[in-house]
């Protein structure tokens, strides 16, 4: 149950990786110095308060191992190389963030959904798979989860309306099933004359 609870916290998937974990406010401050600085809407006191919240929320899960996968693109390389180790140091949660090819991500996800075998605890995948997630009923509604059993581990400062592309990660039932991490714009062009002759 604990594994499912935290694995469902998709917001945390932005910060996954693999290192020994010991919760640490000094690590949080070092991360803020090295990676955030003045690039935040929060002042330094607000940033540190946010880090303290994450440490406290993660306390029941300290020492837990979580395995995440994403495709190898620059965004996810940064998450795996920089954000993941910081998350582990700050929260005390041991995270492994694997980087593999996009086709391999889809294959592992499909295998897990069809077999029920847990290959990864969380997937960072393209939002165009939202229909698949919803039809298989193997992904939980973040909307409901964040309002109910996940409330204690959902940041009170998380502003869902601040995410770009959330309409792409909302299923036909109107609930959010993924938090947008990165998005490719899909543009379709056609020859007008072919459809009007």
N, C-alpha and C. Protein backbone atom coordinates (compact mmCIF):
# COMPACT_ATOMS: atom_id res chain seq x y z
N UNK A 1 0.83 -1.19 0.00
CA UNK A 1 0.00 0.00 0.00
C UNK A 1 0.87 1.25 0.00
N UNK A 2 1.91 1.27 0.84
CA UNK A 2 2.80 2.42 0.87
C UNK A 2 3.43 2.65 -0.50
N UNK A 3 3.88 1.55 -1.14
CA UNK A 3 4.53 1.67 -2.45
C UNK A 3 3.57 2.30 -3.45
N UNK A 4 2.30 1.84 -3.45
CA UNK A 4 1.32 2.39 -4.38
C UNK A 4 1.04 3.85 -4.06
N UNK A 5 0.96 4.18 -2.78
CA UNK A 5 0.64 5.53 -2.38
C UNK A 5 1.68 6.51 -2.90
N UNK A 6 2.94 6.23 -2.65
CA UNK A 6 3.96 7.17 -3.08
C UNK A 6 4.20 7.11 -4.58
N UNK A 7 4.11 5.92 -5.15
CA UNK A 7 4.32 5.80 -6.59
C UNK A 7 3.29 6.61 -7.35
N UNK A 8 2.13 6.78 -6.76
CA UNK A 8 1.08 7.54 -7.41
C UNK A 8 1.33 9.03 -7.37
N UNK A 9 2.24 9.46 -6.55
CA UNK A 9 2.51 10.88 -6.44
C UNK A 9 3.33 11.30 -7.64
N UNK A 10 2.66 11.50 -8.72
CA UNK A 10 3.33 11.78 -9.98
C UNK A 10 4.15 13.05 -9.92
N UNK A 11 3.77 13.96 -9.10
CA UNK A 11 4.57 15.17 -8.97
C UNK A 11 5.98 14.84 -8.55
N UNK A 12 6.15 13.79 -7.74
CA UNK A 12 7.47 13.38 -7.31
C UNK A 12 8.27 12.80 -8.45
N UNK A 13 7.62 12.34 -9.55
CA UNK A 13 8.36 11.72 -10.63
C UNK A 13 9.26 12.71 -11.34
N UNK A 14 9.05 13.96 -11.11
CA UNK A 14 9.91 14.96 -11.69
C UNK A 14 11.29 14.94 -11.05
N UNK A 15 11.42 14.25 -9.92
CA UNK A 15 12.66 14.32 -9.15
C UNK A 15 13.28 12.96 -8.87
N UNK A 16 13.20 11.99 -9.79
CA UNK A 16 13.62 10.63 -9.47
C UNK A 16 15.06 10.33 -9.88
N UNK A 17 15.69 9.39 -9.18
CA UNK A 17 17.03 8.90 -9.50
C UNK A 17 17.49 7.86 -8.53
N UNK A 18 18.79 7.53 -8.53
CA UNK A 18 19.28 6.46 -7.67
C UNK A 18 20.51 6.88 -6.88
N UNK A 19 20.39 6.97 -5.56
CA UNK A 19 21.51 7.18 -4.65
C UNK A 19 21.07 6.75 -3.27
N UNK A 20 22.01 6.48 -2.37
CA UNK A 20 21.60 6.19 -1.00
C UNK A 20 20.86 7.39 -0.43
N UNK A 21 19.84 7.15 0.37
CA UNK A 21 18.98 8.24 0.81
C UNK A 21 19.04 8.47 2.31
N UNK A 22 19.26 9.71 2.68
CA UNK A 22 19.21 10.16 4.07
C UNK A 22 18.63 11.57 4.04
N UNK A 23 17.42 11.73 4.58
CA UNK A 23 16.74 13.03 4.52
C UNK A 23 17.63 14.10 5.13
N UNK A 24 17.66 15.28 4.51
CA UNK A 24 18.68 16.24 4.88
C UNK A 24 18.32 17.65 4.43
N UNK A 25 18.11 18.56 5.38
CA UNK A 25 17.83 19.95 5.03
C UNK A 25 19.07 20.63 4.46
N UNK A 26 20.27 20.20 4.88
CA UNK A 26 21.49 20.75 4.30
C UNK A 26 21.55 20.43 2.80
N UNK A 27 21.14 19.21 2.44
CA UNK A 27 21.09 18.83 1.03
C UNK A 27 20.07 19.68 0.28
N UNK A 28 18.97 19.99 0.94
CA UNK A 28 17.95 20.84 0.32
C UNK A 28 18.51 22.23 0.05
N UNK A 29 19.21 22.77 1.02
CA UNK A 29 19.81 24.11 0.83
C UNK A 29 20.85 24.09 -0.29
N UNK A 30 21.67 23.03 -0.33
CA UNK A 30 22.67 22.91 -1.39
C UNK A 30 22.00 22.83 -2.76
N UNK A 31 20.89 22.09 -2.84
CA UNK A 31 20.15 22.00 -4.10
C UNK A 31 19.59 23.37 -4.49
N UNK A 32 19.02 24.07 -3.54
CA UNK A 32 18.48 25.40 -3.83
C UNK A 32 19.58 26.34 -4.32
N UNK A 33 20.74 26.28 -3.69
CA UNK A 33 21.87 27.13 -4.10
C UNK A 33 22.33 26.79 -5.51
N UNK A 34 22.48 25.50 -5.79
CA UNK A 34 23.07 25.06 -7.06
C UNK A 34 22.09 25.12 -8.23
N UNK A 35 20.83 24.84 -7.99
CA UNK A 35 19.89 24.66 -9.10
C UNK A 35 18.76 25.68 -9.19
N UNK A 36 18.37 26.27 -8.09
CA UNK A 36 17.19 27.14 -8.10
C UNK A 36 17.57 28.62 -8.02
N UNK A 37 18.32 28.97 -6.99
CA UNK A 37 18.74 30.37 -6.84
C UNK A 37 17.56 31.31 -6.87
N UNK A 38 17.63 32.29 -7.78
CA UNK A 38 16.55 33.28 -7.88
C UNK A 38 15.57 32.96 -9.02
N UNK A 39 15.61 31.73 -9.53
CA UNK A 39 14.72 31.34 -10.63
C UNK A 39 13.41 30.75 -10.10
N UNK A 40 12.87 31.33 -9.09
CA UNK A 40 11.63 30.83 -8.48
C UNK A 40 10.73 31.99 -8.14
N UNK A 41 9.44 31.73 -8.16
CA UNK A 41 8.47 32.74 -7.70
C UNK A 41 8.53 32.88 -6.18
N UNK A 42 9.13 31.88 -5.51
CA UNK A 42 9.26 31.91 -4.05
C UNK A 42 10.56 32.58 -3.65
N UNK A 43 10.53 33.35 -2.56
CA UNK A 43 11.78 33.87 -2.03
C UNK A 43 12.50 32.72 -1.32
N UNK A 44 13.71 32.97 -0.84
CA UNK A 44 14.51 31.89 -0.25
C UNK A 44 13.80 31.25 0.94
N UNK A 45 13.17 32.05 1.78
CA UNK A 45 12.45 31.49 2.94
C UNK A 45 11.32 30.57 2.48
N UNK A 46 10.62 30.96 1.43
CA UNK A 46 9.55 30.14 0.88
C UNK A 46 10.07 28.86 0.27
N UNK A 47 11.23 28.94 -0.40
CA UNK A 47 11.86 27.75 -0.98
C UNK A 47 12.25 26.76 0.12
N UNK A 48 12.83 27.27 1.19
CA UNK A 48 13.24 26.39 2.29
C UNK A 48 12.03 25.80 3.00
N UNK A 49 10.97 26.57 3.13
CA UNK A 49 9.74 26.04 3.74
C UNK A 49 9.17 24.91 2.88
N UNK A 50 9.23 25.06 1.57
CA UNK A 50 8.78 24.01 0.66
C UNK A 50 9.62 22.74 0.84
N UNK A 51 10.93 22.91 0.95
CA UNK A 51 11.81 21.76 1.16
C UNK A 51 11.52 21.08 2.50
N UNK A 52 11.29 21.86 3.53
CA UNK A 52 10.94 21.29 4.84
C UNK A 52 9.64 20.50 4.75
N UNK A 53 8.68 21.00 3.97
CA UNK A 53 7.41 20.28 3.78
C UNK A 53 7.68 18.93 3.12
N UNK A 54 8.52 18.92 2.05
CA UNK A 54 8.82 17.67 1.36
C UNK A 54 9.49 16.66 2.30
N UNK A 55 10.42 17.12 3.12
CA UNK A 55 11.11 16.22 4.06
C UNK A 55 10.11 15.62 5.04
N UNK A 56 9.22 16.44 5.57
CA UNK A 56 8.22 15.95 6.53
C UNK A 56 7.24 14.98 5.85
N UNK A 57 6.75 15.34 4.66
CA UNK A 57 5.79 14.48 3.95
C UNK A 57 6.42 13.13 3.59
N UNK A 58 7.72 13.13 3.33
CA UNK A 58 8.41 11.90 2.93
C UNK A 58 8.81 11.02 4.11
N UNK A 59 8.74 11.55 5.31
CA UNK A 59 9.20 10.81 6.50
C UNK A 59 8.68 9.37 6.59
N UNK A 60 7.38 9.11 6.39
CA UNK A 60 6.90 7.72 6.50
C UNK A 60 7.47 6.79 5.43
N UNK A 61 8.05 7.36 4.39
CA UNK A 61 8.54 6.57 3.26
C UNK A 61 10.06 6.49 3.21
N UNK A 62 10.73 7.05 4.22
CA UNK A 62 12.19 7.06 4.27
C UNK A 62 12.73 5.64 4.13
N UNK A 63 13.70 5.47 3.25
CA UNK A 63 14.30 4.16 3.01
C UNK A 63 13.58 3.34 1.95
N UNK A 64 12.42 3.78 1.50
CA UNK A 64 11.67 3.06 0.47
C UNK A 64 12.42 3.13 -0.86
N UNK A 65 12.32 2.07 -1.64
CA UNK A 65 12.90 2.03 -2.97
C UNK A 65 11.80 2.20 -4.01
N UNK A 66 12.00 3.12 -4.93
CA UNK A 66 11.04 3.36 -6.00
C UNK A 66 11.80 3.40 -7.32
N UNK A 67 11.22 2.77 -8.32
CA UNK A 67 11.85 2.64 -9.62
C UNK A 67 10.99 3.34 -10.67
N UNK A 68 11.62 4.26 -11.41
CA UNK A 68 10.93 5.08 -12.41
C UNK A 68 11.66 4.95 -13.74
N UNK A 69 10.93 5.10 -14.83
CA UNK A 69 11.54 5.04 -16.15
C UNK A 69 11.01 6.17 -17.03
N UNK A 70 11.88 6.64 -17.91
CA UNK A 70 11.48 7.62 -18.92
C UNK A 70 12.35 7.42 -20.15
N UNK A 71 11.94 8.05 -21.24
CA UNK A 71 12.76 7.98 -22.45
C UNK A 71 13.98 8.89 -22.29
N UNK A 72 15.00 8.61 -23.07
CA UNK A 72 16.24 9.38 -22.99
C UNK A 72 16.12 10.63 -23.86
N UNK A 73 15.74 11.73 -23.24
CA UNK A 73 15.77 13.04 -23.87
C UNK A 73 16.39 13.99 -22.84
N UNK A 74 16.80 15.16 -23.28
CA UNK A 74 17.53 16.09 -22.42
C UNK A 74 16.79 16.40 -21.13
N UNK A 75 15.48 16.63 -21.21
CA UNK A 75 14.69 16.93 -20.01
C UNK A 75 14.85 15.83 -18.97
N UNK A 76 14.68 14.59 -19.40
CA UNK A 76 14.72 13.46 -18.47
C UNK A 76 16.15 13.14 -18.04
N UNK A 77 17.13 13.44 -18.89
CA UNK A 77 18.52 13.27 -18.46
C UNK A 77 18.82 14.19 -17.28
N UNK A 78 18.32 15.41 -17.34
CA UNK A 78 18.50 16.35 -16.23
C UNK A 78 17.79 15.84 -14.98
N UNK A 79 16.59 15.34 -15.16
CA UNK A 79 15.84 14.79 -14.02
C UNK A 79 16.61 13.65 -13.36
N UNK A 80 17.15 12.75 -14.19
CA UNK A 80 17.86 11.58 -13.66
C UNK A 80 19.21 11.95 -13.05
N UNK A 81 19.93 12.86 -13.70
CA UNK A 81 21.28 13.21 -13.29
C UNK A 81 21.32 14.21 -12.13
N UNK A 82 20.39 15.19 -12.12
CA UNK A 82 20.44 16.27 -11.13
C UNK A 82 19.29 16.20 -10.13
N UNK A 83 18.06 16.19 -10.63
CA UNK A 83 16.92 16.25 -9.71
C UNK A 83 16.77 14.98 -8.88
N UNK A 84 17.02 13.84 -9.50
CA UNK A 84 16.84 12.57 -8.78
C UNK A 84 17.76 12.43 -7.57
N UNK A 85 19.06 12.65 -7.74
CA UNK A 85 19.92 12.55 -6.56
C UNK A 85 19.55 13.56 -5.48
N UNK A 86 19.15 14.76 -5.89
CA UNK A 86 18.73 15.77 -4.90
C UNK A 86 17.49 15.29 -4.15
N UNK A 87 16.53 14.74 -4.87
CA UNK A 87 15.31 14.24 -4.24
C UNK A 87 15.63 13.17 -3.21
N UNK A 88 16.51 12.24 -3.57
CA UNK A 88 16.87 11.16 -2.65
C UNK A 88 17.57 11.71 -1.41
N UNK A 89 18.50 12.62 -1.60
CA UNK A 89 19.20 13.21 -0.45
C UNK A 89 18.25 13.99 0.45
N UNK A 90 17.34 14.72 -0.15
CA UNK A 90 16.43 15.58 0.61
C UNK A 90 15.37 14.78 1.35
N UNK A 91 14.80 13.77 0.71
CA UNK A 91 13.66 13.05 1.29
C UNK A 91 14.02 11.76 2.02
N UNK A 92 15.16 11.16 1.69
CA UNK A 92 15.50 9.87 2.28
C UNK A 92 14.86 8.70 1.55
N UNK A 93 14.25 8.95 0.42
CA UNK A 93 13.63 7.90 -0.40
C UNK A 93 14.63 7.49 -1.49
N UNK A 94 14.90 6.20 -1.60
CA UNK A 94 15.83 5.69 -2.61
C UNK A 94 15.11 5.58 -3.95
N UNK A 95 15.58 6.34 -4.93
CA UNK A 95 14.91 6.36 -6.23
C UNK A 95 15.87 5.94 -7.33
N UNK A 96 15.37 5.14 -8.22
CA UNK A 96 16.12 4.76 -9.41
C UNK A 96 15.35 5.29 -10.61
N UNK A 97 15.99 6.14 -11.39
CA UNK A 97 15.36 6.70 -12.59
C UNK A 97 16.13 6.16 -13.79
N UNK A 98 15.54 5.17 -14.47
CA UNK A 98 16.15 4.59 -15.67
C UNK A 98 15.81 5.41 -16.89
N UNK A 99 16.78 5.56 -17.78
CA UNK A 99 16.59 6.22 -19.06
C UNK A 99 16.72 5.17 -20.15
N UNK A 100 15.68 5.01 -20.97
CA UNK A 100 15.69 4.03 -22.06
C UNK A 100 15.03 4.65 -23.28
N UNK A 101 15.04 3.95 -24.39
CA UNK A 101 14.41 4.46 -25.60
C UNK A 101 12.89 4.57 -25.45
N UNK A 102 12.31 5.47 -26.23
CA UNK A 102 10.86 5.69 -26.15
C UNK A 102 10.07 4.42 -26.41
N UNK A 103 10.46 3.66 -27.42
CA UNK A 103 9.77 2.41 -27.73
C UNK A 103 9.85 1.42 -26.59
N UNK A 104 10.99 1.40 -25.90
CA UNK A 104 11.15 0.50 -24.76
C UNK A 104 10.26 0.92 -23.59
N UNK A 105 10.09 2.23 -23.40
CA UNK A 105 9.19 2.71 -22.34
C UNK A 105 7.78 2.20 -22.61
N UNK A 106 7.31 2.38 -23.85
CA UNK A 106 5.96 1.95 -24.22
C UNK A 106 5.83 0.43 -24.08
N UNK A 107 6.85 -0.31 -24.50
CA UNK A 107 6.80 -1.78 -24.40
C UNK A 107 6.71 -2.23 -22.94
N UNK A 108 7.52 -1.64 -22.06
CA UNK A 108 7.49 -2.03 -20.64
C UNK A 108 6.16 -1.64 -20.00
N UNK A 109 5.64 -0.48 -20.37
CA UNK A 109 4.35 -0.04 -19.85
C UNK A 109 3.24 -0.99 -20.29
N UNK A 110 3.24 -1.34 -21.57
CA UNK A 110 2.24 -2.26 -22.11
C UNK A 110 2.34 -3.63 -21.43
N UNK A 111 3.55 -4.13 -21.26
CA UNK A 111 3.76 -5.42 -20.59
C UNK A 111 3.23 -5.37 -19.17
N UNK A 112 3.53 -4.29 -18.46
CA UNK A 112 3.06 -4.17 -17.07
C UNK A 112 1.54 -4.12 -17.01
N UNK A 113 0.92 -3.36 -17.91
CA UNK A 113 -0.55 -3.25 -17.89
C UNK A 113 -1.21 -4.58 -18.23
N UNK A 114 -0.64 -5.33 -19.15
CA UNK A 114 -1.26 -6.59 -19.57
C UNK A 114 -0.99 -7.74 -18.61
N UNK A 115 0.20 -7.74 -17.99
CA UNK A 115 0.56 -8.87 -17.12
C UNK A 115 0.25 -8.63 -15.65
N UNK A 116 0.17 -7.36 -15.26
CA UNK A 116 -0.01 -7.04 -13.85
C UNK A 116 1.29 -7.12 -13.06
N UNK A 117 2.38 -7.50 -13.73
CA UNK A 117 3.69 -7.58 -13.08
C UNK A 117 4.26 -6.17 -12.95
N UNK A 118 4.73 -5.81 -11.75
CA UNK A 118 5.28 -4.48 -11.52
C UNK A 118 6.71 -4.42 -12.03
N UNK A 119 6.91 -3.74 -13.15
CA UNK A 119 8.24 -3.54 -13.70
C UNK A 119 8.81 -2.24 -13.16
N UNK A 120 8.02 -1.18 -13.24
CA UNK A 120 8.38 0.13 -12.69
C UNK A 120 7.23 0.63 -11.83
N UNK A 121 7.58 1.45 -10.85
CA UNK A 121 6.56 2.04 -9.98
C UNK A 121 5.92 3.26 -10.61
N UNK A 122 6.66 3.94 -11.48
CA UNK A 122 6.12 5.12 -12.15
C UNK A 122 6.75 5.23 -13.53
N UNK A 123 5.98 5.75 -14.46
CA UNK A 123 6.42 5.95 -15.83
C UNK A 123 6.27 7.43 -16.17
N UNK A 124 7.28 7.97 -16.82
CA UNK A 124 7.17 9.31 -17.40
C UNK A 124 7.04 9.05 -18.89
N UNK A 125 5.84 9.22 -19.41
CA UNK A 125 5.59 8.90 -20.81
C UNK A 125 4.76 9.99 -21.47
N UNK A 126 4.72 9.92 -22.79
CA UNK A 126 4.00 10.94 -23.55
C UNK A 126 2.53 10.95 -23.19
N UNK A 127 1.98 12.15 -23.18
CA UNK A 127 0.58 12.31 -22.77
C UNK A 127 -0.40 11.70 -23.76
N UNK A 128 0.05 11.40 -24.98
CA UNK A 128 -0.90 10.79 -25.92
C UNK A 128 -1.26 9.36 -25.54
N UNK A 129 -0.64 8.84 -24.49
CA UNK A 129 -1.02 7.52 -23.97
C UNK A 129 -2.15 7.61 -22.95
N UNK A 130 -2.68 8.80 -22.73
CA UNK A 130 -3.73 8.98 -21.71
C UNK A 130 -4.92 8.07 -21.98
N UNK A 131 -5.29 7.92 -23.24
CA UNK A 131 -6.42 7.05 -23.57
C UNK A 131 -6.16 5.61 -23.18
N UNK A 132 -4.93 5.15 -23.42
CA UNK A 132 -4.55 3.79 -23.04
C UNK A 132 -4.61 3.62 -21.54
N UNK A 133 -4.02 4.56 -20.81
CA UNK A 133 -4.04 4.48 -19.34
C UNK A 133 -5.48 4.40 -18.84
N UNK A 134 -6.31 5.23 -19.38
CA UNK A 134 -7.70 5.32 -18.90
C UNK A 134 -8.49 4.05 -19.25
N UNK A 135 -8.34 3.58 -20.50
CA UNK A 135 -9.08 2.38 -20.92
C UNK A 135 -8.67 1.15 -20.12
N UNK A 136 -7.39 1.00 -19.84
CA UNK A 136 -6.93 -0.16 -19.08
C UNK A 136 -7.28 -0.05 -17.59
N UNK A 137 -7.66 1.14 -17.16
CA UNK A 137 -7.98 1.38 -15.75
C UNK A 137 -6.83 0.93 -14.84
N UNK A 138 -5.60 1.18 -15.29
CA UNK A 138 -4.42 0.79 -14.52
C UNK A 138 -3.68 2.00 -13.96
N UNK A 139 -4.15 3.18 -14.28
CA UNK A 139 -3.57 4.39 -13.71
C UNK A 139 -4.65 5.02 -12.83
N UNK A 140 -4.23 5.56 -11.73
CA UNK A 140 -5.25 6.12 -10.85
C UNK A 140 -5.48 7.59 -11.16
N UNK A 141 -6.66 8.05 -10.89
CA UNK A 141 -7.02 9.45 -11.09
C UNK A 141 -6.24 10.29 -10.09
N UNK A 142 -5.38 11.16 -10.60
CA UNK A 142 -4.66 12.06 -9.70
C UNK A 142 -5.61 13.06 -9.06
N UNK A 143 -6.63 13.45 -9.80
CA UNK A 143 -7.61 14.39 -9.25
C UNK A 143 -8.19 13.83 -7.96
N UNK A 144 -8.70 12.62 -8.02
CA UNK A 144 -9.30 12.01 -6.82
C UNK A 144 -8.25 11.67 -5.77
N UNK A 145 -7.12 11.15 -6.21
CA UNK A 145 -6.07 10.74 -5.28
C UNK A 145 -5.55 11.93 -4.47
N UNK A 146 -5.28 13.06 -5.15
CA UNK A 146 -4.74 14.23 -4.44
C UNK A 146 -5.76 14.82 -3.48
N UNK A 147 -7.03 14.63 -3.76
CA UNK A 147 -8.08 15.14 -2.86
C UNK A 147 -8.35 14.21 -1.69
N UNK A 148 -7.97 12.94 -1.81
CA UNK A 148 -8.33 11.94 -0.80
C UNK A 148 -7.09 11.32 -0.17
N UNK A 149 -6.80 10.04 -0.50
CA UNK A 149 -5.74 9.33 0.21
C UNK A 149 -4.34 9.90 0.00
N UNK A 150 -4.12 10.67 -1.05
CA UNK A 150 -2.82 11.28 -1.29
C UNK A 150 -2.69 12.70 -0.80
N UNK A 151 -3.69 13.18 -0.11
CA UNK A 151 -3.70 14.58 0.33
C UNK A 151 -2.48 14.94 1.18
N UNK A 152 -2.07 14.03 2.07
CA UNK A 152 -0.95 14.32 2.97
C UNK A 152 0.40 14.40 2.27
N UNK A 153 0.50 13.84 1.07
CA UNK A 153 1.77 13.89 0.33
C UNK A 153 1.65 14.71 -0.95
N UNK A 154 0.61 15.51 -1.05
CA UNK A 154 0.45 16.43 -2.17
C UNK A 154 0.72 17.83 -1.65
N UNK A 155 1.70 18.48 -2.22
CA UNK A 155 2.10 19.80 -1.75
C UNK A 155 0.91 20.76 -1.74
N UNK A 156 0.71 21.45 -0.63
CA UNK A 156 -0.37 22.43 -0.58
C UNK A 156 -0.13 23.60 -1.54
N UNK A 157 1.10 23.72 -2.03
CA UNK A 157 1.45 24.79 -2.97
C UNK A 157 1.37 24.34 -4.43
N UNK A 158 1.01 23.08 -4.66
CA UNK A 158 0.91 22.58 -6.03
C UNK A 158 -0.28 23.25 -6.72
N UNK A 159 0.00 24.00 -7.77
CA UNK A 159 -1.04 24.70 -8.52
C UNK A 159 -1.24 24.00 -9.86
N UNK A 160 -2.22 23.13 -9.91
CA UNK A 160 -2.48 22.35 -11.12
C UNK A 160 -2.74 23.26 -12.32
N UNK A 161 -3.38 24.39 -12.10
CA UNK A 161 -3.69 25.29 -13.21
C UNK A 161 -2.44 25.96 -13.78
N UNK A 162 -1.31 25.83 -13.10
CA UNK A 162 -0.07 26.41 -13.57
C UNK A 162 0.64 25.51 -14.59
N UNK A 163 0.16 24.28 -14.76
CA UNK A 163 0.79 23.35 -15.69
C UNK A 163 0.32 23.62 -17.11
N UNK A 164 1.27 23.65 -18.03
CA UNK A 164 0.95 23.78 -19.45
C UNK A 164 0.68 22.38 -19.99
N UNK A 165 -0.41 22.20 -20.71
CA UNK A 165 -0.70 20.92 -21.34
C UNK A 165 -1.53 19.98 -20.49
N UNK A 166 -2.14 20.48 -19.42
CA UNK A 166 -2.91 19.56 -18.57
C UNK A 166 -4.14 19.01 -19.29
N UNK A 167 -4.63 19.70 -20.30
CA UNK A 167 -5.77 19.16 -21.06
C UNK A 167 -5.38 17.87 -21.78
N UNK A 168 -4.09 17.72 -22.09
CA UNK A 168 -3.61 16.51 -22.77
C UNK A 168 -3.50 15.33 -21.81
N UNK A 169 -3.49 15.59 -20.51
CA UNK A 169 -3.34 14.52 -19.52
C UNK A 169 -4.61 14.33 -18.69
N UNK A 170 -5.69 14.85 -19.23
CA UNK A 170 -7.01 14.69 -18.62
C UNK A 170 -7.78 13.67 -19.45
N UNK A 171 -8.33 12.67 -18.77
CA UNK A 171 -9.04 11.57 -19.45
C UNK A 171 -10.48 11.97 -19.78
N UNK A 172 -11.18 11.13 -20.53
CA UNK A 172 -12.58 11.41 -20.88
C UNK A 172 -13.49 11.60 -19.67
N UNK A 173 -13.10 11.08 -18.50
CA UNK A 173 -13.93 11.26 -17.31
C UNK A 173 -13.72 12.62 -16.65
N UNK A 174 -12.84 13.45 -17.24
CA UNK A 174 -12.59 14.79 -16.71
C UNK A 174 -11.53 14.86 -15.63
N UNK A 175 -10.97 13.72 -15.24
CA UNK A 175 -9.95 13.68 -14.20
C UNK A 175 -8.55 13.72 -14.81
N UNK A 176 -7.63 14.29 -14.05
CA UNK A 176 -6.23 14.35 -14.41
C UNK A 176 -5.57 13.02 -14.05
N UNK A 177 -4.84 12.41 -15.00
CA UNK A 177 -4.17 11.14 -14.75
C UNK A 177 -2.65 11.26 -14.82
N UNK A 178 -2.13 12.34 -15.34
CA UNK A 178 -0.70 12.59 -15.42
C UNK A 178 -0.47 14.07 -15.17
N UNK A 179 0.67 14.40 -14.58
CA UNK A 179 1.09 15.80 -14.53
C UNK A 179 2.03 16.02 -15.71
N UNK A 180 1.77 17.02 -16.53
CA UNK A 180 2.65 17.26 -17.67
C UNK A 180 4.07 17.55 -17.20
N UNK A 181 5.03 16.83 -17.78
CA UNK A 181 6.44 16.99 -17.43
C UNK A 181 7.15 17.72 -18.56
N UNK A 182 6.91 17.29 -19.75
CA UNK A 182 7.42 17.94 -20.95
C UNK A 182 6.44 17.60 -22.06
N UNK A 183 6.41 18.40 -23.08
CA UNK A 183 5.39 18.18 -24.10
C UNK A 183 5.95 18.49 -25.48
N UNK A 184 5.67 17.60 -26.41
CA UNK A 184 5.98 17.86 -27.81
C UNK A 184 4.71 18.35 -28.47
N UNK A 185 4.82 19.41 -29.22
CA UNK A 185 3.65 19.90 -29.95
C UNK A 185 3.47 19.07 -31.21
N UNK A 186 2.31 18.48 -31.38
CA UNK A 186 2.01 17.72 -32.58
C UNK A 186 1.22 18.61 -33.53
N UNK A 187 1.81 18.89 -34.66
CA UNK A 187 1.15 19.73 -35.66
C UNK A 187 0.88 18.88 -36.90
N UNK A 188 -0.29 19.02 -37.44
CA UNK A 188 -0.66 18.27 -38.63
C UNK A 188 -0.93 19.25 -39.76
N UNK A 189 -0.29 19.01 -40.90
CA UNK A 189 -0.47 19.85 -42.08
C UNK A 189 -1.12 19.00 -43.16
N UNK A 190 -1.90 19.64 -44.00
CA UNK A 190 -2.51 18.91 -45.10
C UNK A 190 -2.63 19.84 -46.29
N UNK A 191 -2.80 19.21 -47.45
CA UNK A 191 -2.99 20.00 -48.67
C UNK A 191 -4.48 20.26 -48.82
N UNK A 192 -4.85 21.50 -48.68
CA UNK A 192 -6.24 21.93 -48.75
C UNK A 192 -6.89 21.51 -50.07
N UNK A 193 -6.13 21.63 -51.17
CA UNK A 193 -6.70 21.32 -52.48
C UNK A 193 -7.09 19.84 -52.62
N UNK A 194 -6.41 18.94 -51.91
CA UNK A 194 -6.76 17.52 -51.99
C UNK A 194 -8.13 17.23 -51.40
N UNK A 195 -8.57 18.06 -50.50
CA UNK A 195 -9.84 17.83 -49.81
C UNK A 195 -10.97 18.70 -50.36
N UNK A 196 -10.68 19.48 -51.38
CA UNK A 196 -11.70 20.37 -51.91
C UNK A 196 -11.88 20.25 -53.42
N UNK A 197 -11.39 19.22 -54.03
CA UNK A 197 -11.58 19.02 -55.48
C UNK A 197 -12.73 18.08 -55.75
